């Protein structure tokens, strides 16, 4: 696949609402959940990255500041039509580079059990026992970044 553009998304822009739609479709709807306005209030503090193909958001991820060294990677989603094409990997690499550029040396995340191997291949380490978040098994993972 060619012409995949990964870019930072401005909060409340047209692209932001495409990101919200994708997150709801991939992460919420299968669980019978919908976003409320309260669910989105923290997004204005996050760095939001989108993978775009022909001006349409097909993947996204967010970096939420935790402390001066750490971001929490969250809301990772890739449209089902575009999976297994390296888009998720590109989003993670861009998120890691963004973290380095902001002088952060660690990324943590809560991975759904189904995504563990994806993150392990990208050198993220499991740092917790299984726990449940929004009714699904998750594991905390982290990666130390060279800056």
Protein backbone atom coordinates (compact mmCIF):
# COMPACT_ATOMS: atom_id res chain seq x y z
CA UNK A 1 0.00 0.00 0.00
CA UNK A 2 1.30 3.43 -0.87
CA UNK A 3 0.40 6.97 0.13
CA UNK A 4 -0.20 6.33 3.84
CA UNK A 5 0.34 9.62 5.60
CA UNK A 6 0.79 9.74 9.37
CA UNK A 7 0.12 13.13 10.88
CA UNK A 8 -0.60 14.83 14.14
CA UNK A 9 -4.26 15.72 14.57
CA UNK A 10 -5.52 18.92 16.11
CA UNK A 11 -8.15 18.49 18.81
CA UNK A 12 -11.70 19.16 17.51
CA UNK A 13 -10.56 19.39 13.87
CA UNK A 14 -12.30 17.50 11.06
CA UNK A 15 -9.61 14.81 11.27
CA UNK A 16 -10.13 14.55 15.03
CA UNK A 17 -13.79 13.65 14.52
CA UNK A 18 -12.74 10.99 11.99
CA UNK A 19 -10.38 9.60 14.66
CA UNK A 20 -13.23 9.56 17.20
CA UNK A 21 -15.46 7.74 14.68
CA UNK A 22 -12.76 5.12 14.04
CA UNK A 23 -12.11 4.63 17.76
CA UNK A 24 -15.82 4.15 18.38
CA UNK A 25 -16.18 1.71 15.47
CA UNK A 26 -13.15 -0.42 16.40
CA UNK A 27 -12.79 -0.07 20.17
CA UNK A 28 -16.26 0.74 21.54
CA UNK A 29 -19.02 -0.57 19.30
CA UNK A 30 -17.96 -4.25 19.54
CA UNK A 31 -18.37 -3.91 23.33
CA UNK A 32 -21.74 -2.21 23.08
CA UNK A 33 -20.23 1.11 24.22
CA UNK A 34 -20.48 4.65 22.83
CA UNK A 35 -18.43 7.74 23.56
CA UNK A 36 -19.92 10.43 25.75
CA UNK A 37 -18.62 13.99 25.77
CA UNK A 38 -16.97 13.21 29.13
CA UNK A 39 -15.05 10.32 27.54
CA UNK A 40 -13.42 12.74 25.11
CA UNK A 41 -12.48 15.59 27.47
CA UNK A 42 -8.96 14.28 28.11
CA UNK A 43 -8.15 14.14 24.41
CA UNK A 44 -7.22 17.83 24.35
CA UNK A 45 -4.11 17.01 26.46
CA UNK A 46 -3.05 14.08 24.26
CA UNK A 47 -0.91 13.96 21.15
CA UNK A 48 -3.18 12.36 18.57
CA UNK A 49 -1.69 10.68 15.51
CA UNK A 50 -3.68 9.48 12.51
CA UNK A 51 -2.79 7.28 9.57
CA UNK A 52 -4.59 8.64 6.52
CA UNK A 53 -5.22 7.13 3.11
CA UNK A 54 -6.87 9.29 0.46
CA UNK A 55 -7.79 11.89 3.13
CA UNK A 56 -9.56 9.30 5.28
CA UNK A 57 -8.42 8.24 8.76
CA UNK A 58 -7.67 4.51 8.70
CA UNK A 59 -5.65 4.25 11.91
CA UNK A 60 -4.95 6.21 15.06
CA UNK A 61 -3.10 6.26 18.35
CA UNK A 62 -2.75 8.75 21.20
CA UNK A 63 0.00 9.68 23.62
CA UNK A 64 -1.21 10.82 27.02
CA UNK A 65 1.34 12.57 29.27
CA UNK A 66 1.95 10.65 32.49
CA UNK A 67 5.02 12.41 33.89
CA UNK A 68 8.18 14.12 32.59
CA UNK A 69 9.63 10.85 31.30
CA UNK A 70 6.54 8.87 30.29
CA UNK A 71 3.66 8.81 27.85
CA UNK A 72 0.77 6.37 27.95
CA UNK A 73 -0.04 5.02 24.51
CA UNK A 74 -3.79 4.61 24.17
CA UNK A 75 -6.72 4.42 21.76
CA UNK A 76 -4.76 2.40 19.18
CA UNK A 77 -7.02 1.39 16.29
CA UNK A 78 -6.67 0.39 12.65
CA UNK A 79 -9.66 -0.02 10.34
CA UNK A 80 -10.26 -3.73 9.70
CA UNK A 81 -9.94 -3.24 5.93
CA UNK A 82 -6.36 -2.00 6.35
CA UNK A 83 -5.02 -4.44 8.95
CA UNK A 84 -1.92 -6.58 8.38
CA UNK A 85 -0.39 -3.91 6.14
CA UNK A 86 2.04 -2.42 8.66
CA UNK A 87 -0.10 0.60 9.54
CA UNK A 88 -0.20 -0.17 13.27
CA UNK A 89 3.57 -0.61 13.29
CA UNK A 90 4.01 2.73 11.48
CA UNK A 91 1.75 4.44 14.02
CA UNK A 92 3.76 2.99 16.92
CA UNK A 93 7.07 4.02 15.36
CA UNK A 94 5.75 7.56 14.85
CA UNK A 95 4.44 7.66 18.44
CA UNK A 96 7.83 6.52 19.74
CA UNK A 97 9.65 9.15 17.66
CA UNK A 98 7.24 11.81 18.89
CA UNK A 99 7.93 10.75 22.48
CA UNK A 100 11.69 10.95 21.87
CA UNK A 101 11.31 14.41 20.31
CA UNK A 102 9.49 15.49 23.50
CA UNK A 103 12.36 14.04 25.60
CA UNK A 104 10.27 11.20 27.02
CA UNK A 105 12.12 7.91 27.49
CA UNK A 106 9.30 5.51 28.32
CA UNK A 107 5.94 4.50 26.89
CA UNK A 108 3.43 2.49 28.88
CA UNK A 109 0.16 1.02 27.63
CA UNK A 110 -2.73 -1.24 28.56
CA UNK A 111 -2.87 -3.96 25.90
CA UNK A 112 -5.88 -6.11 25.26
CA UNK A 113 -4.91 -9.76 25.45
CA UNK A 114 -5.55 -10.07 21.71
CA UNK A 115 -2.90 -7.39 21.01
CA UNK A 116 -0.11 -8.73 23.25
CA UNK A 117 1.90 -10.34 20.46
CA UNK A 118 1.69 -7.23 18.30
CA UNK A 119 3.31 -5.15 21.05
CA UNK A 120 5.79 -7.87 22.01
CA UNK A 121 7.10 -7.88 18.42
CA UNK A 122 7.75 -4.15 18.85
CA UNK A 123 9.78 -4.85 22.04
CA UNK A 124 7.17 -3.89 24.61
CA UNK A 125 7.41 -5.88 27.85
CA UNK A 126 4.53 -7.09 30.01
CA UNK A 127 4.79 -5.45 33.45
CA UNK A 128 1.60 -6.62 35.16
CA UNK A 129 -0.64 -9.54 35.78
CA UNK A 130 -3.86 -9.71 33.79
CA UNK A 131 -6.45 -7.13 34.82
CA UNK A 132 -9.84 -6.14 33.46
CA UNK A 133 -10.63 -2.79 31.91
CA UNK A 134 -13.98 -2.11 30.23
CA UNK A 135 -14.76 -5.78 30.81
CA UNK A 136 -11.80 -7.08 28.75
CA UNK A 137 -8.55 -8.73 29.84
CA UNK A 138 -5.61 -6.33 29.60
CA UNK A 139 -1.93 -6.30 30.55
CA UNK A 140 0.23 -3.30 31.31
CA UNK A 141 3.25 -3.10 29.02
CA UNK A 142 6.14 -0.70 28.68
CA UNK A 143 9.08 0.13 26.52
CA UNK A 144 12.14 2.18 27.37
CA UNK A 145 13.15 4.52 24.56
CA UNK A 146 16.64 5.66 23.63
CA UNK A 147 16.66 9.44 23.37
